[in-house]
């Protein structure tokens, strides 16, 4: 069973997916891996999977795209504290790789 995170509610759900359908796209400073589950033909419908080393639960499926997930990560302190092992500064901002 894989917990699905939706509006701060964790729901147990069956999760049976071919590992070849999981594509990593990000990693945190605490070695958690952010992935897409690419089982849908439309990339706009790929949910975010967190394979966490320091998260509870370790595997989390967020039923939203990457942009919505990142927005929640940056905007919702409770999401960061309850489910995701990310420590951010009080004020967050986007830094384009061209300007880093």
C-alpha atoms as a PDB file:
ATOM      1  CA  UNK A   1       0.000   0.000   0.000  1.00  0.00           C
ATOM      2  CA  UNK A   2       1.233   3.469  -0.936  1.00  0.00           C
ATOM      3  CA  UNK A   3      -0.079   6.536   0.902  1.00  0.00           C
ATOM      4  CA  UNK A   4      -1.583   9.206  -1.319  1.00  0.00           C
ATOM      5  CA  UNK A   5      -1.204  12.740  -0.007  1.00  0.00           C
ATOM      6  CA  UNK A   6      -4.180  14.952  -0.805  1.00  0.00           C
ATOM      7  CA  UNK A   7      -4.956  18.158   1.068  1.00  0.00           C
ATOM      8  CA  UNK A   8      -2.852  17.025   4.025  1.00  0.00           C
ATOM      9  CA  UNK A   9      -4.771  13.752   4.344  1.00  0.00           C
ATOM     10  CA  UNK A  10      -2.847  10.534   3.900  1.00  0.00           C
ATOM     11  CA  UNK A  11      -4.928   7.762   2.337  1.00  0.00           C
ATOM     12  CA  UNK A  12      -3.668   4.215   1.884  1.00  0.00           C
ATOM     13  CA  UNK A  13      -3.914   3.070  -1.738  1.00  0.00           C
ATOM     14  CA  UNK A  14      -2.651   0.109  -3.694  1.00  0.00           C
ATOM     15  CA  UNK A  15       0.486   0.966  -5.657  1.00  0.00           C
ATOM     16  CA  UNK A  16       1.619  -1.529  -8.225  1.00  0.00           C
ATOM     17  CA  UNK A  17       3.705   0.062 -10.957  1.00  0.00           C
ATOM     18  CA  UNK A  18       6.557  -1.087 -13.155  1.00  0.00           C
ATOM     19  CA  UNK A  19       9.776   0.492 -11.801  1.00  0.00           C
ATOM     20  CA  UNK A  20      10.561   1.454 -15.414  1.00  0.00           C
ATOM     21  CA  UNK A  21       7.596   3.874 -15.202  1.00  0.00           C
ATOM     22  CA  UNK A  22       9.293   5.906 -12.460  1.00  0.00           C
ATOM     23  CA  UNK A  23      11.433   8.810 -13.658  1.00  0.00           C
ATOM     24  CA  UNK A  24      13.492  10.792 -11.136  1.00  0.00           C
ATOM     25  CA  UNK A  25      13.551  14.555 -11.675  1.00  0.00           C
ATOM     26  CA  UNK A  26      14.807  15.984  -8.404  1.00  0.00           C
ATOM     27  CA  UNK A  27      16.608  15.319  -5.144  1.00  0.00           C
ATOM     28  CA  UNK A  28      16.599  17.138  -1.823  1.00  0.00           C
ATOM     29  CA  UNK A  29      19.551  18.067   0.333  1.00  0.00           C
ATOM     30  CA  UNK A  30      18.504  15.164   2.588  1.00  0.00           C
ATOM     31  CA  UNK A  31      18.676  12.588  -0.237  1.00  0.00           C
ATOM     32  CA  UNK A  32      14.938  12.246  -0.870  1.00  0.00           C
ATOM     33  CA  UNK A  33      14.207  11.584  -4.548  1.00  0.00           C
ATOM     34  CA  UNK A  34      11.330  13.261  -6.391  1.00  0.00           C
ATOM     35  CA  UNK A  35       9.932  11.278  -9.311  1.00  0.00           C
ATOM     36  CA  UNK A  36       7.152  11.149 -11.857  1.00  0.00           C
ATOM     37  CA  UNK A  37       5.000   8.044 -12.268  1.00  0.00           C
ATOM     38  CA  UNK A  38       4.718   7.929 -16.049  1.00  0.00           C
ATOM     39  CA  UNK A  39       1.927   5.372 -16.460  1.00  0.00           C
ATOM     40  CA  UNK A  40      -0.413   7.861 -18.167  1.00  0.00           C
ATOM     41  CA  UNK A  41       0.176   8.703 -21.846  1.00  0.00           C
ATOM     42  CA  UNK A  42      -0.342  12.407 -21.015  1.00  0.00           C
ATOM     43  CA  UNK A  43       2.575  13.924 -19.032  1.00  0.00           C
ATOM     44  CA  UNK A  44       0.155  16.470 -17.562  1.00  0.00           C
ATOM     45  CA  UNK A  45      -1.337  13.585 -15.573  1.00  0.00           C
ATOM     46  CA  UNK A  46       1.899  12.217 -14.093  1.00  0.00           C
ATOM     47  CA  UNK A  47       1.716  12.338 -10.286  1.00  0.00           C
ATOM     48  CA  UNK A  48       4.732  13.049  -8.105  1.00  0.00           C
ATOM     49  CA  UNK A  49       6.270  10.170  -6.176  1.00  0.00           C
ATOM     50  CA  UNK A  50       8.619  10.861  -3.279  1.00  0.00           C
ATOM     51  CA  UNK A  51      11.094   8.143  -2.394  1.00  0.00           C
ATOM     52  CA  UNK A  52      12.158   9.450   0.965  1.00  0.00           C
ATOM     53  CA  UNK A  53      14.996   8.625   3.280  1.00  0.00           C
ATOM     54  CA  UNK A  54      13.750  10.983   5.971  1.00  0.00           C
ATOM     55  CA  UNK A  55      10.040  11.210   5.205  1.00  0.00           C
ATOM     56  CA  UNK A  56       7.128   9.543   6.891  1.00  0.00           C
ATOM     57  CA  UNK A  57       5.938   7.471   5.170  1.00  0.00           C
ATOM     58  CA  UNK A  58       8.988   6.656   3.042  1.00  0.00           C
ATOM     59  CA  UNK A  59       7.047   6.404  -0.236  1.00  0.00           C
ATOM     60  CA  UNK A  60       4.483   9.109  -0.973  1.00  0.00           C
ATOM     61  CA  UNK A  61       2.328   9.571  -4.046  1.00  0.00           C
ATOM     62  CA  UNK A  62       1.092  13.129  -4.586  1.00  0.00           C
ATOM     63  CA  UNK A  63      -1.799  13.207  -7.093  1.00  0.00           C
ATOM     64  CA  UNK A  64      -0.706  16.413  -8.816  1.00  0.00           C
ATOM     65  CA  UNK A  65       1.813  17.526 -11.393  1.00  0.00           C
ATOM     66  CA  UNK A  66       5.301  18.797 -10.661  1.00  0.00           C
ATOM     67  CA  UNK A  67       4.388  22.512 -10.803  1.00  0.00           C
ATOM     68  CA  UNK A  68       1.486  22.113  -8.366  1.00  0.00           C
ATOM     69  CA  UNK A  69       3.633  19.957  -6.097  1.00  0.00           C
ATOM     70  CA  UNK A  70       6.474  22.511  -6.021  1.00  0.00           C
ATOM     71  CA  UNK A  71       4.009  25.323  -5.390  1.00  0.00           C
ATOM     72  CA  UNK A  72       2.609  23.453  -2.376  1.00  0.00           C
ATOM     73  CA  UNK A  73       6.113  22.668  -1.205  1.00  0.00           C
ATOM     74  CA  UNK A  74       7.049  26.350  -1.267  1.00  0.00           C
ATOM     75  CA  UNK A  75       3.725  27.771  -0.036  1.00  0.00           C
ATOM     76  CA  UNK A  76       2.553  25.307   2.602  1.00  0.00           C
ATOM     77  CA  UNK A  77       4.744  24.983   5.676  1.00  0.00           C
ATOM     78  CA  UNK A  78       2.573  22.174   7.048  1.00  0.00           C
ATOM     79  CA  UNK A  79       3.271  20.058   3.943  1.00  0.00           C
ATOM     80  CA  UNK A  80       7.002  20.540   4.420  1.00  0.00           C
ATOM     81  CA  UNK A  81       6.838  19.663   8.106  1.00  0.00           C
ATOM     82  CA  UNK A  82       4.379  16.759   7.950  1.00  0.00           C
ATOM     83  CA  UNK A  83       5.383  14.854   4.850  1.00  0.00           C
ATOM     84  CA  UNK A  84       8.508  16.173   3.193  1.00  0.00           C
ATOM     85  CA  UNK A  85      11.981  16.408   4.685  1.00  0.00           C
ATOM     86  CA  UNK A  86      12.885  19.793   3.248  1.00  0.00           C
ATOM     87  CA  UNK A  87      14.231  22.698   5.230  1.00  0.00           C
ATOM     88  CA  UNK A  88      13.750  26.012   3.438  1.00  0.00           C
ATOM     89  CA  UNK A  89      14.662  29.540   4.461  1.00  0.00           C
ATOM     90  CA  UNK A  90      11.885  31.787   5.774  1.00  0.00           C
ATOM     91  CA  UNK A  91      11.649  33.494   2.398  1.00  0.00           C
ATOM     92  CA  UNK A  92      11.918  31.267  -0.651  1.00  0.00           C
ATOM     93  CA  UNK A  93      12.597  32.347  -4.221  1.00  0.00           C
ATOM     94  CA  UNK A  94      13.203  30.777  -7.598  1.00  0.00           C
ATOM     95  CA  UNK A  95      16.713  30.987  -9.021  1.00  0.00           C
ATOM     96  CA  UNK A  96      17.010  30.309 -12.726  1.00  0.00           C
ATOM     97  CA  UNK A  97      19.955  28.059 -13.540  1.00  0.00           C
ATOM     98  CA  UNK A  98      21.214  30.733 -15.942  1.00  0.00           C
ATOM     99  CA  UNK A  99      21.490  33.197 -13.062  1.00  0.00           C
ATOM    100  CA  UNK A 100      22.825  30.814 -10.400  1.00  0.00           C
END
